[in-house]
Amino acid sequence: MIRIALVEDDKNYIETLKNYLHTYEKKCNQKIKVTVFMDGEDIVTGYKADYDIILMDIEMMFMNGMTAAEKIREMDSEVIIIFITNMPQYVMEGYKVDALDYVIKPLTYFALSQRIDRALNRLHKRTKRYIMIALKGGMQKVDVSRIKYIEVQNHDAIIYTVDEIFTTRETLTNLEDLIGSKAFFRCNKCYLVNLEYVDGIQNYDIAIGKDIIQVSRSKKKEFMDNLNDYINEVSK
């Protein structure tokens, strides 16, 4: 799933962009989730690194797109930012916040689809992806590739990484959506495992290092199929 934040204060452009992204989704067989913010201030306030791409209008009432992008870069160095503007003079300023590209208004589907293609090419080349999780008293940036598995206990989700263990109040479903990777498999209602770290399986017991996690009877065949597909893919 591609997670796109759309930051735009013009309702007409919002609808146009959503329609273009829906068209792109169907034509390119890419699942896209769009979250709309009406001002730069809205996305910056309580920002979480939940997005792959941010489509950012520059001229907005309370906080303009350039200022919002600067604040986002302080918290998230990975997200791809594409500016939407009718003022090409902002192009040079975009380098300060590592903007990937610009779409000049009035928008066309072709122009937007080219930028999304370029953004996806950059995403596919990255070796790391991060999520931002809420911890007691703050936030924590977590490298998805270093997550071994996630366990639910009571109302807490415990994230076991190669280096550390984090506890958050996020639901397992929300974390699964945040991670958005085929390398992770929900083996039962309490566990989400990273197939990269699976060392073996015996009956319904999955070995991840010294830890044993059970896969439910109804999920075992799907788990084995996903594990085989994953191994074949990384072995290419």
C-alpha atoms as a PDB file:
ATOM      1  CA  MET A   1       0.000   0.000   0.000  1.00  0.00           C
ATOM      2  CA  ILE A   2       1.213   3.519  -0.869  1.00  0.00           C
ATOM      3  CA  ARG A   3       0.383   6.055   1.835  1.00  0.00           C
ATOM      4  CA  ILE A   4      -0.033   9.564   0.463  1.00  0.00           C
ATOM      5  CA  ALA A   5      -0.681  12.717   2.492  1.00  0.00           C
ATOM      6  CA  LEU A   6      -2.412  15.415   0.458  1.00  0.00           C
ATOM      7  CA  VAL A   7      -1.907  18.900   1.943  1.00  0.00           C
ATOM      8  CA  GLU A   8      -4.118  21.335   0.029  1.00  0.00           C
ATOM      9  CA  ASP A   9      -6.576  24.052   1.035  1.00  0.00           C
ATOM     10  CA  ASP A  10      -8.493  24.251  -2.246  1.00  0.00           C
ATOM     11  CA  LYS A  11     -11.396  21.787  -2.182  1.00  0.00           C
ATOM     12  CA  ASN A  12     -11.565  21.663  -5.977  1.00  0.00           C
ATOM     13  CA  TYR A  13      -7.913  20.658  -6.229  1.00  0.00           C
ATOM     14  CA  ILE A  14      -8.401  18.118  -3.455  1.00  0.00           C
ATOM     15  CA  GLU A  15     -11.125  16.387  -5.447  1.00  0.00           C
ATOM     16  CA  THR A  16      -9.097  16.602  -8.652  1.00  0.00           C
ATOM     17  CA  LEU A  17      -6.031  15.079  -7.016  1.00  0.00           C
ATOM     18  CA  LYS A  18      -8.040  12.334  -5.323  1.00  0.00           C
ATOM     19  CA  ASN A  19      -9.634  11.448  -8.676  1.00  0.00           C
ATOM     20  CA  TYR A  20      -6.221  11.397 -10.389  1.00  0.00           C
ATOM     21  CA  LEU A  21      -4.783   9.166  -7.659  1.00  0.00           C
ATOM     22  CA  HIS A  22      -7.789   6.841  -7.920  1.00  0.00           C
ATOM     23  CA  THR A  23      -7.189   6.603 -11.679  1.00  0.00           C
ATOM     24  CA  TYR A  24      -3.497   5.900 -11.090  1.00  0.00           C
ATOM     25  CA  GLU A  25      -4.422   3.225  -8.546  1.00  0.00           C
ATOM     26  CA  LYS A  26      -6.566   1.381 -11.095  1.00  0.00           C
ATOM     27  CA  LYS A  27      -4.236   1.799 -14.084  1.00  0.00           C
ATOM     28  CA  CYS A  28      -1.064   0.808 -12.240  1.00  0.00           C
ATOM     29  CA  ASN A  29      -2.583  -1.784  -9.894  1.00  0.00           C
ATOM     30  CA  GLN A  30      -1.268   0.083  -6.850  1.00  0.00           C
ATOM     31  CA  LYS A  31      -3.297   0.321  -3.660  1.00  0.00           C
ATOM     32  CA  ILE A  32      -3.246   3.934  -2.446  1.00  0.00           C
ATOM     33  CA  LYS A  33      -4.426   5.362   0.861  1.00  0.00           C
ATOM     34  CA  VAL A  34      -4.930   9.152   0.802  1.00  0.00           C
ATOM     35  CA  THR A  35      -5.073  11.294   3.941  1.00  0.00           C
ATOM     36  CA  VAL A  36      -6.121  14.925   3.424  1.00  0.00           C
ATOM     37  CA  PHE A  37      -4.871  17.918   5.421  1.00  0.00           C
ATOM     38  CA  MET A  38      -6.293  21.389   4.773  1.00  0.00           C
ATOM     39  CA  ASP A  39      -3.199  23.314   5.927  1.00  0.00           C
ATOM     40  CA  GLY A  40       0.509  22.833   6.572  1.00  0.00           C
ATOM     41  CA  GLU A  41      -0.143  23.371  10.247  1.00  0.00           C
ATOM     42  CA  ASP A  42      -2.545  20.408  10.292  1.00  0.00           C
ATOM     43  CA  ILE A  43      -0.008  17.856   9.070  1.00  0.00           C
ATOM     44  CA  VAL A  44       2.842  19.202  11.216  1.00  0.00           C
ATOM     45  CA  THR A  45       0.811  19.115  14.444  1.00  0.00           C
ATOM     46  CA  GLY A  46       1.275  15.653  15.953  1.00  0.00           C
ATOM     47  CA  TYR A  47       3.152  14.497  12.846  1.00  0.00           C
ATOM     48  CA  LYS A  48       3.823  10.773  12.547  1.00  0.00           C
ATOM     49  CA  ALA A  49       6.044   9.221   9.902  1.00  0.00           C
ATOM     50  CA  ASP A  50       3.081   7.341   8.430  1.00  0.00           C
ATOM     51  CA  TYR A  51       3.427   8.458   4.805  1.00  0.00           C
ATOM     52  CA  ASP A  52       5.458   7.385   1.794  1.00  0.00           C
ATOM     53  CA  ILE A  53       4.673  10.525  -0.210  1.00  0.00           C
ATOM     54  CA  ILE A  54       3.449  14.006   0.713  1.00  0.00           C
ATOM     55  CA  LEU A  55       1.784  16.109  -2.005  1.00  0.00           C
ATOM     56  CA  MET A  56       2.167  19.599  -0.564  1.00  0.00           C
ATOM     57  CA  ASP A  57       0.555  22.816  -1.718  1.00  0.00           C
ATOM     58  CA  ILE A  58       2.862  25.790  -1.103  1.00  0.00           C
ATOM     59  CA  GLU A  59       0.420  28.645  -0.637  1.00  0.00           C
ATOM     60  CA  MET A  60      -1.833  28.014   2.372  1.00  0.00           C
ATOM     61  CA  MET A  61      -3.472  30.246   4.949  1.00  0.00           C
ATOM     62  CA  PHE A  62      -1.838  29.417   8.299  1.00  0.00           C
ATOM     63  CA  MET A  63       1.394  27.587   7.476  1.00  0.00           C
ATOM     64  CA  ASN A  64       2.726  27.514   3.935  1.00  0.00           C
ATOM     65  CA  GLY A  65       4.005  24.315   2.391  1.00  0.00           C
ATOM     66  CA  MET A  66       7.680  25.279   2.487  1.00  0.00           C
ATOM     67  CA  THR A  67       7.598  25.965   6.233  1.00  0.00           C
ATOM     68  CA  ALA A  68       5.641  22.762   6.835  1.00  0.00           C
ATOM     69  CA  ALA A  69       8.169  20.776   4.791  1.00  0.00           C
ATOM     70  CA  GLU A  70      11.054  22.220   6.832  1.00  0.00           C
ATOM     71  CA  LYS A  71       9.363  21.138  10.076  1.00  0.00           C
ATOM     72  CA  ILE A  72       8.578  17.691   8.680  1.00  0.00           C
ATOM     73  CA  ARG A  73      12.202  17.220   7.633  1.00  0.00           C
ATOM     74  CA  GLU A  74      13.252  17.781  11.256  1.00  0.00           C
ATOM     75  CA  MET A  75      11.181  14.713  12.179  1.00  0.00           C
ATOM     76  CA  ASP A  76      11.265  12.591   9.020  1.00  0.00           C
ATOM     77  CA  SER A  77      14.164  12.451   6.576  1.00  0.00           C
ATOM     78  CA  GLU A  78      12.678   9.645   4.486  1.00  0.00           C
ATOM     79  CA  VAL A  79       9.247  10.792   3.299  1.00  0.00           C
ATOM     80  CA  ILE A  80       9.082  11.920  -0.333  1.00  0.00           C
ATOM     81  CA  ILE A  81       7.806  15.481  -0.741  1.00  0.00           C
ATOM     82  CA  ILE A  82       6.304  16.719  -4.007  1.00  0.00           C
ATOM     83  CA  PHE A  83       5.175  20.340  -4.093  1.00  0.00           C
ATOM     84  CA  ILE A  84       2.025  21.553  -5.818  1.00  0.00           C
ATOM     85  CA  THR A  85       2.257  25.191  -6.872  1.00  0.00           C
ATOM     86  CA  ASN A  86       1.463  27.806  -9.481  1.00  0.00           C
ATOM     87  CA  MET A  87       4.658  29.673  -8.566  1.00  0.00           C
ATOM     88  CA  PRO A  88       7.697  28.052 -10.262  1.00  0.00           C
ATOM     89  CA  GLN A  89      10.055  30.458  -8.457  1.00  0.00           C
ATOM     90  CA  TYR A  90       9.812  28.176  -5.420  1.00  0.00           C
ATOM     91  CA  VAL A  91      11.671  25.407  -7.250  1.00  0.00           C
ATOM     92  CA  MET A  92      15.122  26.353  -5.943  1.00  0.00           C
ATOM     93  CA  GLU A  93      13.869  26.623  -2.363  1.00  0.00           C
ATOM     94  CA  GLY A  94      12.657  23.051  -2.586  1.00  0.00           C
ATOM     95  CA  TYR A  95      16.221  21.753  -2.576  1.00  0.00           C
ATOM     96  CA  LYS A  96      16.534  22.901   1.039  1.00  0.00           C
ATOM     97  CA  VAL A  97      13.949  20.322   2.096  1.00  0.00           C
ATOM     98  CA  ASP A  98      15.006  17.627  -0.401  1.00  0.00           C
ATOM     99  CA  ALA A  99      11.799  17.896  -2.422  1.00  0.00           C
ATOM    100  CA  LEU A 100      11.661  15.265  -5.145  1.00  0.00           C
ATOM    101  CA  ASP A 101       9.727  17.324  -7.662  1.00  0.00           C
ATOM    102  CA  TYR A 102       7.003  19.887  -8.407  1.00  0.00           C
ATOM    103  CA  VAL A 103       3.610  19.751 -10.065  1.00  0.00           C
ATOM    104  CA  ILE A 104       2.616  23.070 -11.578  1.00  0.00           C
ATOM    105  CA  LYS A 105      -1.030  24.140 -11.448  1.00  0.00           C
ATOM    106  CA  PRO A 106      -3.320  23.736 -13.304  1.00  0.00           C
ATOM    107  CA  LEU A 107      -2.868  20.017 -12.707  1.00  0.00           C
ATOM    108  CA  THR A 108      -3.028  17.288 -15.325  1.00  0.00           C
ATOM    109  CA  TYR A 109      -3.217  13.552 -14.728  1.00  0.00           C
ATOM    110  CA  PHE A 110      -0.158  12.958 -16.915  1.00  0.00           C
ATOM    111  CA  ALA A 111       2.025  15.385 -14.931  1.00  0.00           C
ATOM    112  CA  LEU A 112       0.965  13.927 -11.587  1.00  0.00           C
ATOM    113  CA  SER A 113       1.368  10.304 -12.720  1.00  0.00           C
ATOM    114  CA  GLN A 114       4.932  11.032 -13.859  1.00  0.00           C
ATOM    115  CA  ARG A 115       5.808  12.405 -10.415  1.00  0.00           C
ATOM    116  CA  ILE A 116       4.204   9.441  -8.653  1.00  0.00           C
ATOM    117  CA  ASP A 117       6.136   7.050 -10.923  1.00  0.00           C
ATOM    118  CA  ARG A 118       9.367   8.819  -9.991  1.00  0.00           C
ATOM    119  CA  ALA A 119       8.491   8.750  -6.291  1.00  0.00           C
ATOM    120  CA  LEU A 120       7.766   5.002  -6.401  1.00  0.00           C
ATOM    121  CA  ASN A 121      11.067   4.347  -8.157  1.00  0.00           C
ATOM    122  CA  ARG A 122      12.833   6.104  -5.296  1.00  0.00           C
ATOM    123  CA  LEU A 123      10.845   4.147  -2.711  1.00  0.00           C
ATOM    124  CA  HIS A 124      11.706   0.839  -4.335  1.00  0.00           C
ATOM    125  CA  LYS A 125      15.428   1.634  -4.263  1.00  0.00           C
ATOM    126  CA  ARG A 126      15.486   2.301  -0.541  1.00  0.00           C
ATOM    127  CA  THR A 127      16.828  -0.372   1.744  1.00  0.00           C
ATOM    128  CA  LYS A 128      15.286   1.070   4.898  1.00  0.00           C
ATOM    129  CA  ARG A 129      11.825   2.160   5.897  1.00  0.00           C
ATOM    130  CA  TYR A 130      10.804   3.632   9.206  1.00  0.00           C
ATOM    131  CA  ILE A 131       7.627   3.949  11.227  1.00  0.00           C
ATOM    132  CA  MET A 132       7.005   6.352  14.087  1.00  0.00           C
ATOM    133  CA  ILE A 133       5.341   4.828  17.143  1.00  0.00           C
ATOM    134  CA  ALA A 134       3.914   6.488  20.243  1.00  0.00           C
ATOM    135  CA  LEU A 135       5.615   5.598  23.507  1.00  0.00           C
ATOM    136  CA  LYS A 136       4.835   6.780  27.007  1.00  0.00           C
ATOM    137  CA  GLY A 137       5.970  10.401  27.086  1.00  0.00           C
ATOM    138  CA  GLY A 138       7.108  10.619  23.459  1.00  0.00           C
ATOM    139  CA  MET A 139       7.639   9.048  20.038  1.00  0.00           C
ATOM    140  CA  GLN A 140      10.120   6.520  18.667  1.00  0.00           C
ATOM    141  CA  LYS A 141      11.385   6.028  15.117  1.00  0.00           C
ATOM    142  CA  VAL A 142      11.755   2.317  14.319  1.00  0.00           C
ATOM    143  CA  ASP A 143      13.550   0.731  11.356  1.00  0.00           C
ATOM    144  CA  VAL A 144      11.007  -1.741   9.921  1.00  0.00           C
ATOM    145  CA  SER A 145      13.733  -4.073   8.613  1.00  0.00           C
ATOM    146  CA  ARG A 146      14.992  -4.618  12.187  1.00  0.00           C
ATOM    147  CA  ILE A 147      11.618  -5.640  13.620  1.00  0.00           C
ATOM    148  CA  LYS A 148      11.614  -9.403  14.319  1.00  0.00           C
ATOM    149  CA  TYR A 149       8.023  -9.681  15.469  1.00  0.00           C
ATOM    150  CA  ILE A 150       5.259  -7.843  17.301  1.00  0.00           C
ATOM    151  CA  GLU A 151       3.259  -9.329  20.141  1.00  0.00           C
ATOM    152  CA  VAL A 152       0.003  -8.140  21.712  1.00  0.00           C
ATOM    153  CA  GLN A 153      -0.368  -8.405  25.484  1.00  0.00           C
ATOM    154  CA  ASN A 154      -3.559  -7.026  27.017  1.00  0.00           C
ATOM    155  CA  HIS A 155      -3.901  -3.619  25.285  1.00  0.00           C
ATOM    156  CA  ASP A 156      -0.185  -3.153  24.547  1.00  0.00           C
ATOM    157  CA  ALA A 157       1.777  -4.026  21.422  1.00  0.00           C
ATOM    158  CA  ILE A 158       5.351  -5.125  22.175  1.00  0.00           C
ATOM    159  CA  ILE A 159       7.757  -4.599  19.275  1.00  0.00           C
ATOM    160  CA  TYR A 160      10.793  -6.879  19.358  1.00  0.00           C
ATOM    161  CA  THR A 161      13.619  -5.505  17.221  1.00  0.00           C
ATOM    162  CA  VAL A 162      17.155  -6.797  16.743  1.00  0.00           C
ATOM    163  CA  ASP A 163      18.432  -4.228  19.246  1.00  0.00           C
ATOM    164  CA  GLU A 164      15.598  -3.170  21.560  1.00  0.00           C
ATOM    165  CA  ILE A 165      12.058  -3.841  22.737  1.00  0.00           C
ATOM    166  CA  PHE A 166       9.394  -1.120  22.541  1.00  0.00           C
ATOM    167  CA  THR A 167       5.922  -1.056  24.051  1.00  0.00           C
ATOM    168  CA  THR A 168       3.156   1.015  22.487  1.00  0.00           C
ATOM    169  CA  ARG A 169      -0.623   1.328  22.794  1.00  0.00           C
ATOM    170  CA  GLU A 170      -1.065   0.963  19.020  1.00  0.00           C
ATOM    171  CA  THR A 171      -3.254  -1.933  17.878  1.00  0.00           C
ATOM    172  CA  LEU A 172      -1.718  -4.769  15.905  1.00  0.00           C
ATOM    173  CA  THR A 173      -3.935  -3.891  12.947  1.00  0.00           C
ATOM    174  CA  ASN A 174      -2.697  -0.292  12.941  1.00  0.00           C
ATOM    175  CA  LEU A 175       0.922  -1.421  13.140  1.00  0.00           C
ATOM    176  CA  GLU A 176       0.370  -3.898  10.311  1.00  0.00           C
ATOM    177  CA  ASP A 177      -1.057  -1.083   8.177  1.00  0.00           C
ATOM    178  CA  LEU A 178       1.811   1.241   9.126  1.00  0.00           C
ATOM    179  CA  ILE A 179       4.427  -1.337   8.175  1.00  0.00           C
ATOM    180  CA  GLY A 180       2.618  -2.220   4.945  1.00  0.00           C
ATOM    181  CA  SER A 181       5.095  -4.920   3.905  1.00  0.00           C
ATOM    182  CA  LYS A 182       4.606  -8.382   2.423  1.00  0.00           C
ATOM    183  CA  ALA A 183       7.597  -9.465   4.508  1.00  0.00           C
ATOM    184  CA  PHE A 184       5.322  -9.423   7.583  1.00  0.00           C
ATOM    185  CA  PHE A 185       2.680 -12.056   8.280  1.00  0.00           C
ATOM    186  CA  ARG A 186      -0.151 -12.082  10.828  1.00  0.00           C
ATOM    187  CA  CYS A 187       0.149 -15.649  12.094  1.00  0.00           C
ATOM    188  CA  ASN A 188      -2.616 -15.302  14.692  1.00  0.00           C
ATOM    189  CA  LYS A 189      -4.552 -12.551  16.436  1.00  0.00           C
ATOM    190  CA  CYS A 190      -1.648 -11.775  18.798  1.00  0.00           C
ATOM    191  CA  TYR A 191       1.474 -11.951  16.584  1.00  0.00           C
ATOM    192  CA  LEU A 192       2.832 -10.231  13.484  1.00  0.00           C
ATOM    193  CA  VAL A 193       6.126 -11.784  12.342  1.00  0.00           C
ATOM    194  CA  ASN A 194       8.849 -10.614   9.985  1.00  0.00           C
ATOM    195  CA  LEU A 195       9.505 -13.515   7.592  1.00  0.00           C
ATOM    196  CA  GLU A 196      13.130 -12.410   7.310  1.00  0.00           C
ATOM    197  CA  TYR A 197      13.781 -13.617  10.858  1.00  0.00           C
ATOM    198  CA  VAL A 198      11.952 -16.962  10.690  1.00  0.00           C
ATOM    199  CA  ASP A 199      14.530 -19.706  11.331  1.00  0.00           C
ATOM    200  CA  GLY A 200      12.162 -22.673  11.019  1.00  0.00           C
ATOM    201  CA  ILE A 201       8.739 -24.143  11.676  1.00  0.00           C
ATOM    202  CA  GLN A 202       7.812 -27.383  13.431  1.00  0.00           C
ATOM    203  CA  ASN A 203       4.122 -28.308  13.370  1.00  0.00           C
ATOM    204  CA  TYR A 204       2.544 -25.009  14.467  1.00  0.00           C
ATOM    205  CA  ASP A 205       5.626 -23.548  16.194  1.00  0.00           C
ATOM    206  CA  ILE A 206       7.552 -20.804  14.400  1.00  0.00           C
ATOM    207  CA  ALA A 207      11.171 -20.329  15.548  1.00  0.00           C
ATOM    208  CA  ILE A 208      12.529 -16.776  15.571  1.00  0.00           C
ATOM    209  CA  GLY A 209      15.902 -17.027  17.252  1.00  0.00           C
ATOM    210  CA  LYS A 210      15.253 -18.506  20.692  1.00  0.00           C
ATOM    211  CA  ASP A 211      11.600 -17.430  20.648  1.00  0.00           C
ATOM    212  CA  ILE A 212       8.746 -19.735  19.655  1.00  0.00           C
ATOM    213  CA  ILE A 213       5.547 -18.258  18.202  1.00  0.00           C
ATOM    214  CA  GLN A 214       2.496 -20.274  17.242  1.00  0.00           C
ATOM    215  CA  VAL A 215       0.759 -20.009  13.908  1.00  0.00           C
ATOM    216  CA  SER A 216      -2.950 -20.802  14.050  1.00  0.00           C
ATOM    217  CA  ARG A 217      -4.211 -23.940  12.341  1.00  0.00           C
ATOM    218  CA  SER A 218      -6.280 -21.893   9.878  1.00  0.00           C
ATOM    219  CA  LYS A 219      -3.280 -19.713   8.963  1.00  0.00           C
ATOM    220  CA  LYS A 220      -0.561 -22.343   8.594  1.00  0.00           C
ATOM    221  CA  LYS A 221      -0.915 -23.051   4.872  1.00  0.00           C
ATOM    222  CA  GLU A 222      -1.061 -19.329   4.063  1.00  0.00           C
ATOM    223  CA  PHE A 223       1.977 -18.769   6.276  1.00  0.00           C
ATOM    224  CA  MET A 224       3.973 -21.506   4.506  1.00  0.00           C
ATOM    225  CA  ASP A 225       2.988 -20.123   1.089  1.00  0.00           C
ATOM    226  CA  ASN A 226       4.027 -16.602   2.103  1.00  0.00           C
ATOM    227  CA  LEU A 227       7.292 -17.834   3.616  1.00  0.00           C
ATOM    228  CA  ASN A 228       8.163 -19.794   0.459  1.00  0.00           C
ATOM    229  CA  ASP A 229       7.308 -16.808  -1.751  1.00  0.00           C
ATOM    230  CA  TYR A 230       9.443 -14.546   0.427  1.00  0.00           C
ATOM    231  CA  ILE A 231      12.440 -16.892   0.361  1.00  0.00           C
ATOM    232  CA  ASN A 232      12.182 -17.276  -3.416  1.00  0.00           C
ATOM    233  CA  GLU A 233      11.944 -13.504  -3.876  1.00  0.00           C
ATOM    234  CA  VAL A 234      14.978 -12.600  -1.754  1.00  0.00           C
ATOM    235  CA  SER A 235      16.984 -15.416  -3.361  1.00  0.00           C
ATOM    236  CA  LYS A 236      16.604 -14.000  -6.868  1.00  0.00           C
END
